[in-house]
């Protein structure tokens, strides 16, 4: 059951195996048309706050502190309940993000956070 929540860059091609697709960015990704994005839900509030996103600025040297700050935000976020609802309602959920860095982005933190909350 732990592999239930996946992450994927929104710029990768849509696949039927993606399951229920949730965009977890605060801003709509550049160059992606809403009509062709295959998004089932957009939960902006699950993304880091604007202040945290701007501070992090995708700088890998800030990753650990970003992670800690973002986890603190998630602990207080009502969006987590909404995410858990979808995760419990669908066999597979893909968290979509737009960042270029596939090793240092909020979806990685969010995926682990949600998976850790599952039984």
N, C-alpha and C. Protein backbone atom coordinates (compact mmCIF):
# COMPACT_ATOMS: atom_id res chain seq x y z
N UNK A 1 0.82 -1.20 0.00
CA UNK A 1 0.00 0.00 0.00
C UNK A 1 0.86 1.26 0.00
N UNK A 2 2.10 1.17 0.40
CA UNK A 2 2.96 2.34 0.48
C UNK A 2 3.28 2.94 -0.90
N UNK A 3 3.16 2.17 -1.96
CA UNK A 3 3.44 2.69 -3.31
C UNK A 3 2.21 3.34 -3.93
N UNK A 4 1.23 3.56 -3.14
CA UNK A 4 -0.02 4.11 -3.61
C UNK A 4 0.12 5.56 -4.09
N UNK A 5 0.99 6.32 -3.46
CA UNK A 5 1.20 7.72 -3.80
C UNK A 5 2.50 7.84 -4.59
N UNK A 6 2.37 8.30 -5.81
CA UNK A 6 3.53 8.46 -6.69
C UNK A 6 3.76 9.95 -6.95
N UNK A 7 4.91 10.27 -7.47
CA UNK A 7 5.16 11.65 -7.90
C UNK A 7 5.59 11.64 -9.36
N UNK A 8 5.28 12.74 -10.03
CA UNK A 8 5.59 12.82 -11.45
C UNK A 8 5.64 14.28 -11.87
N UNK A 9 6.59 14.60 -12.71
CA UNK A 9 6.64 15.95 -13.30
C UNK A 9 5.46 16.10 -14.24
N UNK A 10 4.80 17.21 -14.16
CA UNK A 10 3.63 17.45 -15.01
C UNK A 10 4.03 17.51 -16.49
N UNK A 11 5.29 17.76 -16.76
CA UNK A 11 5.76 17.85 -18.15
C UNK A 11 6.00 16.48 -18.77
N UNK A 12 5.96 15.42 -17.96
CA UNK A 12 6.07 14.06 -18.51
C UNK A 12 4.72 13.69 -19.11
N UNK A 13 4.72 12.83 -20.14
CA UNK A 13 3.46 12.47 -20.79
C UNK A 13 2.48 11.80 -19.83
N UNK A 14 1.21 12.09 -20.03
CA UNK A 14 0.14 11.44 -19.27
C UNK A 14 0.14 9.95 -19.59
N UNK A 15 -0.07 9.13 -18.56
CA UNK A 15 -0.20 7.69 -18.74
C UNK A 15 -1.43 7.23 -17.96
N UNK A 16 -2.13 6.28 -18.48
CA UNK A 16 -3.30 5.74 -17.81
C UNK A 16 -2.99 5.15 -16.44
N UNK A 17 -1.74 4.73 -16.26
CA UNK A 17 -1.33 4.14 -14.98
C UNK A 17 -1.04 5.19 -13.91
N UNK A 18 -1.19 6.48 -14.24
CA UNK A 18 -0.95 7.55 -13.26
C UNK A 18 -2.00 7.55 -12.15
N UNK A 19 -3.15 6.98 -12.43
CA UNK A 19 -4.23 7.01 -11.45
C UNK A 19 -4.83 8.41 -11.33
N UNK A 20 -5.27 8.77 -10.14
CA UNK A 20 -5.87 10.07 -9.88
C UNK A 20 -4.74 11.10 -9.79
N UNK A 21 -4.78 12.10 -10.66
CA UNK A 21 -3.67 13.06 -10.78
C UNK A 21 -3.99 14.37 -10.05
N UNK A 22 -3.09 14.72 -9.13
CA UNK A 22 -3.28 15.93 -8.32
C UNK A 22 -2.08 16.86 -8.51
N UNK A 23 -2.35 18.06 -8.97
CA UNK A 23 -1.30 19.08 -9.07
C UNK A 23 -1.08 19.65 -7.67
N UNK A 24 0.17 19.63 -7.21
CA UNK A 24 0.48 20.12 -5.86
C UNK A 24 1.44 21.31 -5.90
N UNK A 25 1.29 22.13 -6.91
CA UNK A 25 2.03 23.39 -7.04
C UNK A 25 1.07 24.54 -6.74
N UNK A 26 1.59 25.61 -6.17
CA UNK A 26 0.77 26.78 -5.89
C UNK A 26 0.47 27.56 -7.17
N UNK A 27 1.40 27.51 -8.12
CA UNK A 27 1.24 28.22 -9.39
C UNK A 27 1.01 27.20 -10.51
N UNK A 28 0.20 27.60 -11.49
CA UNK A 28 -0.02 26.73 -12.65
C UNK A 28 1.28 26.64 -13.44
N UNK A 29 1.70 25.44 -13.85
CA UNK A 29 2.96 25.27 -14.58
C UNK A 29 2.94 25.93 -15.96
N UNK A 30 4.04 26.58 -16.28
CA UNK A 30 4.16 27.26 -17.57
C UNK A 30 4.08 26.29 -18.73
N UNK A 31 3.39 26.72 -19.75
CA UNK A 31 3.33 25.95 -20.99
C UNK A 31 2.37 24.76 -20.96
N UNK A 32 1.67 24.57 -19.88
CA UNK A 32 0.72 23.45 -19.77
C UNK A 32 -0.70 23.99 -19.95
N UNK A 33 -1.42 23.42 -20.89
CA UNK A 33 -2.81 23.84 -21.11
C UNK A 33 -3.72 23.07 -20.16
N UNK A 34 -4.62 23.79 -19.54
CA UNK A 34 -5.54 23.15 -18.59
C UNK A 34 -6.37 22.07 -19.27
N UNK A 35 -6.71 22.28 -20.53
CA UNK A 35 -7.55 21.33 -21.25
C UNK A 35 -6.85 20.00 -21.51
N UNK A 36 -5.52 20.00 -21.56
CA UNK A 36 -4.79 18.78 -21.90
C UNK A 36 -3.92 18.27 -20.75
N UNK A 37 -4.05 18.84 -19.59
CA UNK A 37 -3.16 18.50 -18.47
C UNK A 37 -3.54 17.20 -17.76
N UNK A 38 -4.75 16.70 -18.00
CA UNK A 38 -5.21 15.47 -17.33
C UNK A 38 -5.09 15.60 -15.81
N UNK A 39 -5.56 16.71 -15.27
CA UNK A 39 -5.51 16.95 -13.83
C UNK A 39 -6.89 16.65 -13.25
N UNK A 40 -6.92 15.83 -12.22
CA UNK A 40 -8.18 15.51 -11.56
C UNK A 40 -8.46 16.48 -10.41
N UNK A 41 -7.41 17.00 -9.79
CA UNK A 41 -7.56 17.97 -8.70
C UNK A 41 -6.32 18.84 -8.66
N UNK A 42 -6.52 20.06 -8.19
CA UNK A 42 -5.39 20.98 -8.00
C UNK A 42 -5.50 21.47 -6.56
N UNK A 43 -4.57 21.03 -5.73
CA UNK A 43 -4.60 21.40 -4.32
C UNK A 43 -3.44 22.34 -4.05
N UNK A 44 -3.67 23.62 -4.32
CA UNK A 44 -2.63 24.65 -4.15
C UNK A 44 -2.13 24.71 -2.72
N UNK A 45 -3.05 24.52 -1.77
CA UNK A 45 -2.72 24.66 -0.35
C UNK A 45 -1.77 23.57 0.14
N UNK A 46 -1.59 22.51 -0.64
CA UNK A 46 -0.65 21.45 -0.27
C UNK A 46 0.78 21.84 -0.61
N UNK A 47 0.93 22.87 -1.42
CA UNK A 47 2.26 23.34 -1.82
C UNK A 47 2.86 24.18 -0.69
N UNK A 48 4.17 24.37 -0.71
CA UNK A 48 4.78 25.26 0.28
C UNK A 48 4.21 26.68 0.16
N UNK A 49 4.24 27.40 1.26
CA UNK A 49 3.79 28.79 1.24
C UNK A 49 4.62 29.57 0.23
N UNK A 50 4.07 30.67 -0.24
CA UNK A 50 4.79 31.51 -1.20
C UNK A 50 6.12 31.96 -0.61
N UNK A 51 6.13 32.35 0.65
CA UNK A 51 7.36 32.80 1.30
C UNK A 51 8.42 31.70 1.32
N UNK A 52 8.00 30.48 1.67
CA UNK A 52 8.95 29.37 1.72
C UNK A 52 9.45 29.01 0.32
N UNK A 53 8.54 28.99 -0.63
CA UNK A 53 8.94 28.68 -2.02
C UNK A 53 9.97 29.67 -2.53
N UNK A 54 9.71 30.95 -2.28
CA UNK A 54 10.65 31.98 -2.74
C UNK A 54 11.98 31.89 -2.01
N UNK A 55 11.95 31.59 -0.71
CA UNK A 55 13.20 31.47 0.06
C UNK A 55 14.02 30.30 -0.47
N UNK A 56 13.38 29.15 -0.69
CA UNK A 56 14.08 27.95 -1.17
C UNK A 56 14.67 28.18 -2.55
N UNK A 57 13.86 28.74 -3.45
CA UNK A 57 14.31 29.09 -4.80
C UNK A 57 15.06 27.95 -5.49
N UNK A 58 14.68 26.73 -5.20
CA UNK A 58 15.28 25.52 -5.79
C UNK A 58 16.80 25.48 -5.64
N UNK A 59 17.29 25.93 -4.50
CA UNK A 59 18.73 25.88 -4.20
C UNK A 59 19.01 24.62 -3.38
N UNK A 60 19.67 23.63 -3.98
CA UNK A 60 19.90 22.35 -3.28
C UNK A 60 20.56 22.51 -1.91
N UNK A 61 21.39 23.52 -1.74
CA UNK A 61 22.06 23.70 -0.44
C UNK A 61 21.07 24.09 0.67
N UNK A 62 19.88 24.50 0.30
CA UNK A 62 18.83 24.85 1.27
C UNK A 62 17.83 23.71 1.47
N UNK A 63 18.07 22.58 0.82
CA UNK A 63 17.11 21.49 0.80
C UNK A 63 16.69 21.01 2.19
N UNK A 64 17.64 20.69 3.05
CA UNK A 64 17.30 20.14 4.37
C UNK A 64 16.46 21.11 5.18
N UNK A 65 16.83 22.37 5.18
CA UNK A 65 16.05 23.35 5.93
C UNK A 65 14.68 23.56 5.29
N UNK A 66 14.63 23.56 3.96
CA UNK A 66 13.35 23.65 3.26
C UNK A 66 12.43 22.51 3.69
N UNK A 67 13.00 21.30 3.67
CA UNK A 67 12.24 20.11 4.04
C UNK A 67 11.63 20.27 5.43
N UNK A 68 12.43 20.68 6.39
CA UNK A 68 11.95 20.85 7.77
C UNK A 68 10.86 21.91 7.85
N UNK A 69 11.06 23.04 7.18
CA UNK A 69 10.06 24.11 7.22
C UNK A 69 8.76 23.67 6.54
N UNK A 70 8.90 22.96 5.44
CA UNK A 70 7.72 22.51 4.71
C UNK A 70 6.94 21.47 5.53
N UNK A 71 7.64 20.57 6.19
CA UNK A 71 6.98 19.59 7.04
C UNK A 71 6.21 20.28 8.16
N UNK A 72 6.77 21.35 8.70
CA UNK A 72 6.08 22.13 9.74
C UNK A 72 4.80 22.75 9.18
N UNK A 73 4.87 23.24 7.94
CA UNK A 73 3.67 23.78 7.30
C UNK A 73 2.62 22.69 7.07
N UNK A 74 3.06 21.53 6.63
CA UNK A 74 2.14 20.43 6.37
C UNK A 74 1.43 19.97 7.64
N UNK A 75 2.14 20.00 8.75
CA UNK A 75 1.56 19.57 10.02
C UNK A 75 0.36 20.42 10.42
N UNK A 76 0.29 21.65 9.90
CA UNK A 76 -0.81 22.57 10.22
C UNK A 76 -1.80 22.73 9.07
N UNK A 77 -1.55 22.06 7.97
CA UNK A 77 -2.33 22.29 6.74
C UNK A 77 -3.59 21.44 6.66
N UNK A 78 -4.70 22.10 6.36
CA UNK A 78 -5.96 21.39 6.13
C UNK A 78 -5.93 20.63 4.80
N UNK A 79 -5.04 21.01 3.91
CA UNK A 79 -4.95 20.35 2.61
C UNK A 79 -4.53 18.89 2.75
N UNK A 80 -3.84 18.55 3.82
CA UNK A 80 -3.41 17.17 4.03
C UNK A 80 -4.62 16.26 4.13
N UNK A 81 -5.67 16.70 4.81
CA UNK A 81 -6.89 15.91 4.92
C UNK A 81 -7.52 15.67 3.56
N UNK A 82 -7.53 16.71 2.72
CA UNK A 82 -8.07 16.56 1.37
C UNK A 82 -7.25 15.56 0.56
N UNK A 83 -5.93 15.66 0.67
CA UNK A 83 -5.06 14.70 -0.03
C UNK A 83 -5.31 13.28 0.45
N UNK A 84 -5.41 13.11 1.76
CA UNK A 84 -5.65 11.77 2.31
C UNK A 84 -6.99 11.21 1.83
N UNK A 85 -7.98 12.07 1.70
CA UNK A 85 -9.28 11.62 1.18
C UNK A 85 -9.11 11.00 -0.22
N UNK A 86 -8.39 11.69 -1.09
CA UNK A 86 -8.18 11.17 -2.44
C UNK A 86 -7.35 9.89 -2.41
N UNK A 87 -6.31 9.86 -1.58
CA UNK A 87 -5.44 8.69 -1.50
C UNK A 87 -6.23 7.47 -1.03
N UNK A 88 -7.16 7.69 -0.11
CA UNK A 88 -7.98 6.56 0.38
C UNK A 88 -9.07 6.19 -0.60
N UNK A 89 -9.44 7.10 -1.49
CA UNK A 89 -10.54 6.87 -2.43
C UNK A 89 -10.11 6.24 -3.75
N UNK A 90 -8.83 6.34 -4.09
CA UNK A 90 -8.35 5.85 -5.39
C UNK A 90 -7.20 4.89 -5.19
N UNK A 91 -7.10 3.86 -6.04
CA UNK A 91 -6.03 2.87 -5.88
C UNK A 91 -4.63 3.46 -6.06
N UNK A 92 -4.51 4.42 -6.97
CA UNK A 92 -3.22 5.07 -7.23
C UNK A 92 -3.45 6.56 -7.35
N UNK A 93 -2.57 7.33 -6.73
CA UNK A 93 -2.62 8.79 -6.81
C UNK A 93 -1.23 9.27 -7.24
N UNK A 94 -1.19 10.15 -8.22
CA UNK A 94 0.07 10.76 -8.65
C UNK A 94 0.06 12.23 -8.27
N UNK A 95 1.07 12.64 -7.51
CA UNK A 95 1.26 14.05 -7.16
C UNK A 95 2.10 14.68 -8.26
N UNK A 96 1.55 15.69 -8.91
CA UNK A 96 2.22 16.33 -10.04
C UNK A 96 2.86 17.63 -9.61
N UNK A 97 4.07 17.87 -10.10
CA UNK A 97 4.81 19.09 -9.79
C UNK A 97 5.49 19.59 -11.05
N UNK A 98 5.87 20.86 -11.05
CA UNK A 98 6.47 21.44 -12.23
C UNK A 98 7.97 21.67 -12.15
N UNK A 99 8.56 21.56 -10.98
CA UNK A 99 9.99 21.87 -10.79
C UNK A 99 10.88 21.03 -11.72
N UNK A 100 11.96 21.65 -12.17
CA UNK A 100 12.93 20.93 -13.02
C UNK A 100 13.75 19.93 -12.21
N UNK A 101 14.05 20.29 -10.97
CA UNK A 101 14.89 19.45 -10.11
C UNK A 101 14.06 18.28 -9.57
N UNK A 102 14.38 17.08 -10.03
CA UNK A 102 13.61 15.91 -9.64
C UNK A 102 14.04 15.33 -8.30
N UNK A 103 15.10 15.88 -7.71
CA UNK A 103 15.60 15.37 -6.42
C UNK A 103 15.32 16.33 -5.27
N UNK A 104 15.01 17.58 -5.58
CA UNK A 104 14.79 18.60 -4.56
C UNK A 104 13.53 19.39 -4.89
N UNK A 105 12.37 18.83 -4.56
CA UNK A 105 11.11 19.53 -4.80
C UNK A 105 10.08 19.12 -3.75
N UNK A 106 9.04 19.91 -3.63
CA UNK A 106 8.06 19.69 -2.58
C UNK A 106 7.31 18.37 -2.73
N UNK A 107 7.15 17.87 -3.94
CA UNK A 107 6.39 16.63 -4.13
C UNK A 107 7.07 15.45 -3.44
N UNK A 108 8.39 15.46 -3.40
CA UNK A 108 9.13 14.39 -2.71
C UNK A 108 8.79 14.39 -1.22
N UNK A 109 8.80 15.58 -0.63
CA UNK A 109 8.49 15.72 0.79
C UNK A 109 7.04 15.32 1.04
N UNK A 110 6.16 15.81 0.20
CA UNK A 110 4.73 15.55 0.36
C UNK A 110 4.41 14.07 0.19
N UNK A 111 5.01 13.42 -0.78
CA UNK A 111 4.79 12.00 -1.01
C UNK A 111 5.16 11.20 0.25
N UNK A 112 6.31 11.47 0.79
CA UNK A 112 6.76 10.73 1.99
C UNK A 112 5.85 11.03 3.17
N UNK A 113 5.47 12.30 3.32
CA UNK A 113 4.61 12.70 4.42
C UNK A 113 3.28 11.95 4.36
N UNK A 114 2.66 11.93 3.19
CA UNK A 114 1.38 11.25 3.02
C UNK A 114 1.53 9.75 3.20
N UNK A 115 2.55 9.16 2.61
CA UNK A 115 2.76 7.71 2.75
C UNK A 115 2.98 7.33 4.22
N UNK A 116 3.66 8.18 4.98
CA UNK A 116 3.90 7.91 6.40
C UNK A 116 2.61 7.97 7.21
N UNK A 117 1.61 8.70 6.74
CA UNK A 117 0.33 8.80 7.44
C UNK A 117 -0.59 7.60 7.16
N UNK A 118 -0.28 6.85 6.11
CA UNK A 118 -1.12 5.70 5.73
C UNK A 118 -0.86 4.53 6.67
N UNK A 119 -1.88 3.70 6.89
CA UNK A 119 -1.69 2.54 7.78
C UNK A 119 -0.73 1.52 7.18
